Amino acid sequence: MARTATVQDYRHPQPGTTSTFSIDEKIQREIINNGIERPKGYTVSYHSNPEVEKMHFGQKHPMKPWRLTLTSKLVQAYGMYEAMDMHLSRAATHQEMTEFHKEDYIEFLQRLVFSFGSV
């Protein structure tokens, strides 16, 4: 069975193609000033999903979505996206989830989502 990609390549707009031209100029200066370039001999990938940044996992949960937002903003502001492959991930399908988790665990999560609206 053919599988679809779980991530989509992210293409940062080229300088001058957006309405935030002054920001693009500042980012380009950061890239030059900090010597940001793609590493040689290996690949660096950055995977993100803006939808996860909107979720709340509870006060005591170690996952703090604002950290994801902050990381994404820093990667963009310092021009680090120039040195890595950027990917936007999507939610896994039920079949993909069963490749890593047992069916009873997935059913448990589905009951939680149905009961509380989100996890």
Protein backbone atom coordinates (compact mmCIF):
# COMPACT_ATOMS: atom_id res chain seq x y z
CA MET A 1 0.00 0.00 0.00
CA ALA A 2 1.36 3.40 -0.94
CA ARG A 3 1.95 5.74 1.96
CA THR A 4 1.64 9.48 1.89
CA ALA A 5 4.33 11.69 3.33
CA THR A 6 3.78 12.67 6.95
CA VAL A 7 5.58 15.94 6.37
CA GLN A 8 5.44 18.66 3.77
CA ASP A 9 8.51 20.65 2.80
CA TYR A 10 8.40 24.22 4.05
CA ARG A 11 9.62 26.92 1.73
CA HIS A 12 10.49 30.20 3.41
CA PRO A 13 9.58 33.17 1.19
CA GLN A 14 12.51 34.72 -0.60
CA PRO A 15 13.49 38.24 0.50
CA GLY A 16 11.38 40.89 -1.17
CA THR A 17 8.49 38.56 -2.03
CA THR A 18 6.51 39.32 1.12
CA SER A 19 5.00 42.47 2.57
CA THR A 20 7.55 42.32 5.42
CA PHE A 21 10.53 43.37 3.33
CA SER A 22 12.28 45.12 6.25
CA ILE A 23 12.06 41.93 8.34
CA ASP A 24 13.45 39.90 5.43
CA GLU A 25 16.40 42.31 5.21
CA LYS A 26 17.09 41.93 8.94
CA ILE A 27 16.97 38.15 8.69
CA GLN A 28 19.36 38.19 5.72
CA ARG A 29 21.76 40.30 7.80
CA GLU A 30 21.51 37.73 10.63
CA ILE A 31 22.31 34.92 8.20
CA ILE A 32 25.41 36.75 6.97
CA ASN A 33 26.54 38.08 10.38
CA ASN A 34 26.19 34.69 12.07
CA GLY A 35 27.72 32.72 9.21
CA ILE A 36 24.65 30.50 8.88
CA GLU A 37 25.06 27.95 6.12
CA ARG A 38 24.09 24.36 5.46
CA PRO A 39 26.41 21.90 7.20
CA LYS A 40 28.55 19.72 5.00
CA GLY A 41 28.44 15.97 5.42
CA TYR A 42 25.09 15.71 7.20
CA THR A 43 21.54 17.06 7.06
CA VAL A 44 19.71 18.97 9.76
CA SER A 45 15.91 18.77 9.72
CA TYR A 46 13.38 20.87 11.61
CA HIS A 47 9.85 19.50 11.90
CA SER A 48 6.98 21.59 13.16
CA ASN A 49 3.20 21.68 13.27
CA PRO A 50 1.59 25.02 14.12
CA GLU A 51 -1.60 23.22 15.19
CA VAL A 52 0.24 21.61 18.12
CA GLU A 53 1.23 25.07 19.35
CA LYS A 54 -2.47 25.76 20.01
CA MET A 55 -2.93 22.74 22.30
CA HIS A 56 -2.85 22.71 26.07
CA PHE A 57 -1.65 19.52 27.71
CA GLY A 58 -2.44 20.49 31.29
CA GLN A 59 -0.59 22.48 33.96
CA LYS A 60 1.60 19.64 35.14
CA HIS A 61 2.43 18.24 31.70
CA PRO A 62 6.04 18.99 30.67
CA MET A 63 5.00 19.85 27.10
CA LYS A 64 4.55 23.60 26.89
CA PRO A 65 3.33 24.66 23.42
CA TRP A 66 4.69 28.20 23.84
CA ARG A 67 8.16 26.62 23.72
CA LEU A 68 7.38 25.30 20.24
CA THR A 69 6.21 28.75 19.14
CA LEU A 70 9.32 30.37 20.60
CA THR A 71 11.61 27.84 18.91
CA SER A 72 9.92 28.36 15.53
CA LYS A 73 10.16 32.13 15.84
CA LEU A 74 13.85 31.96 16.78
CA VAL A 75 14.64 29.59 13.89
CA GLN A 76 13.01 32.05 11.51
CA ALA A 77 14.33 35.26 13.09
CA TYR A 78 17.95 34.12 13.04
CA GLY A 79 17.67 32.71 9.53
CA MET A 80 18.52 29.21 10.73
CA TYR A 81 16.03 27.79 8.22
CA GLU A 82 18.73 28.41 5.60
CA ALA A 83 20.90 25.72 7.23
CA MET A 84 18.27 23.01 7.58
CA ASP A 85 15.47 21.20 5.84
CA MET A 86 12.15 22.57 7.11
CA HIS A 87 9.09 20.32 7.27
CA LEU A 88 5.48 20.87 8.29
CA SER A 89 4.16 17.65 9.79
CA ARG A 90 0.57 16.45 9.64
CA ALA A 91 -1.48 14.30 11.98
CA ALA A 92 -0.85 10.57 11.64
CA THR A 93 -3.61 8.37 10.26
CA HIS A 94 -5.16 5.60 12.33
CA GLN A 95 -3.19 3.02 10.34
CA GLU A 96 0.08 4.88 10.91
CA MET A 97 -0.63 5.07 14.64
CA THR A 98 -1.08 1.28 14.81
CA GLU A 99 2.42 0.83 13.39
CA PHE A 100 3.81 2.22 16.67
CA HIS A 101 1.05 1.73 19.26
CA LYS A 102 -1.21 -1.12 20.26
CA GLU A 103 -4.84 -0.92 19.17
CA ASP A 104 -6.15 -0.78 22.76
CA TYR A 105 -4.02 2.30 23.47
CA ILE A 106 -5.34 4.06 20.36
CA GLU A 107 -8.91 3.18 21.37
CA PHE A 108 -8.19 4.62 24.84
CA LEU A 109 -6.99 7.89 23.26
CA GLN A 110 -10.06 8.02 21.03
CA ARG A 111 -12.30 7.69 24.09
CA LEU A 112 -10.44 10.58 25.75
CA VAL A 113 -10.81 12.79 22.70
CA PHE A 114 -14.51 11.94 22.49
CA SER A 115 -15.01 12.64 26.21
CA PHE A 116 -12.99 15.85 26.52
CA GLY A 117 -12.88 17.23 22.99
CA SER A 118 -9.10 17.13 22.72
CA VAL A 119 -6.11 15.61 24.44
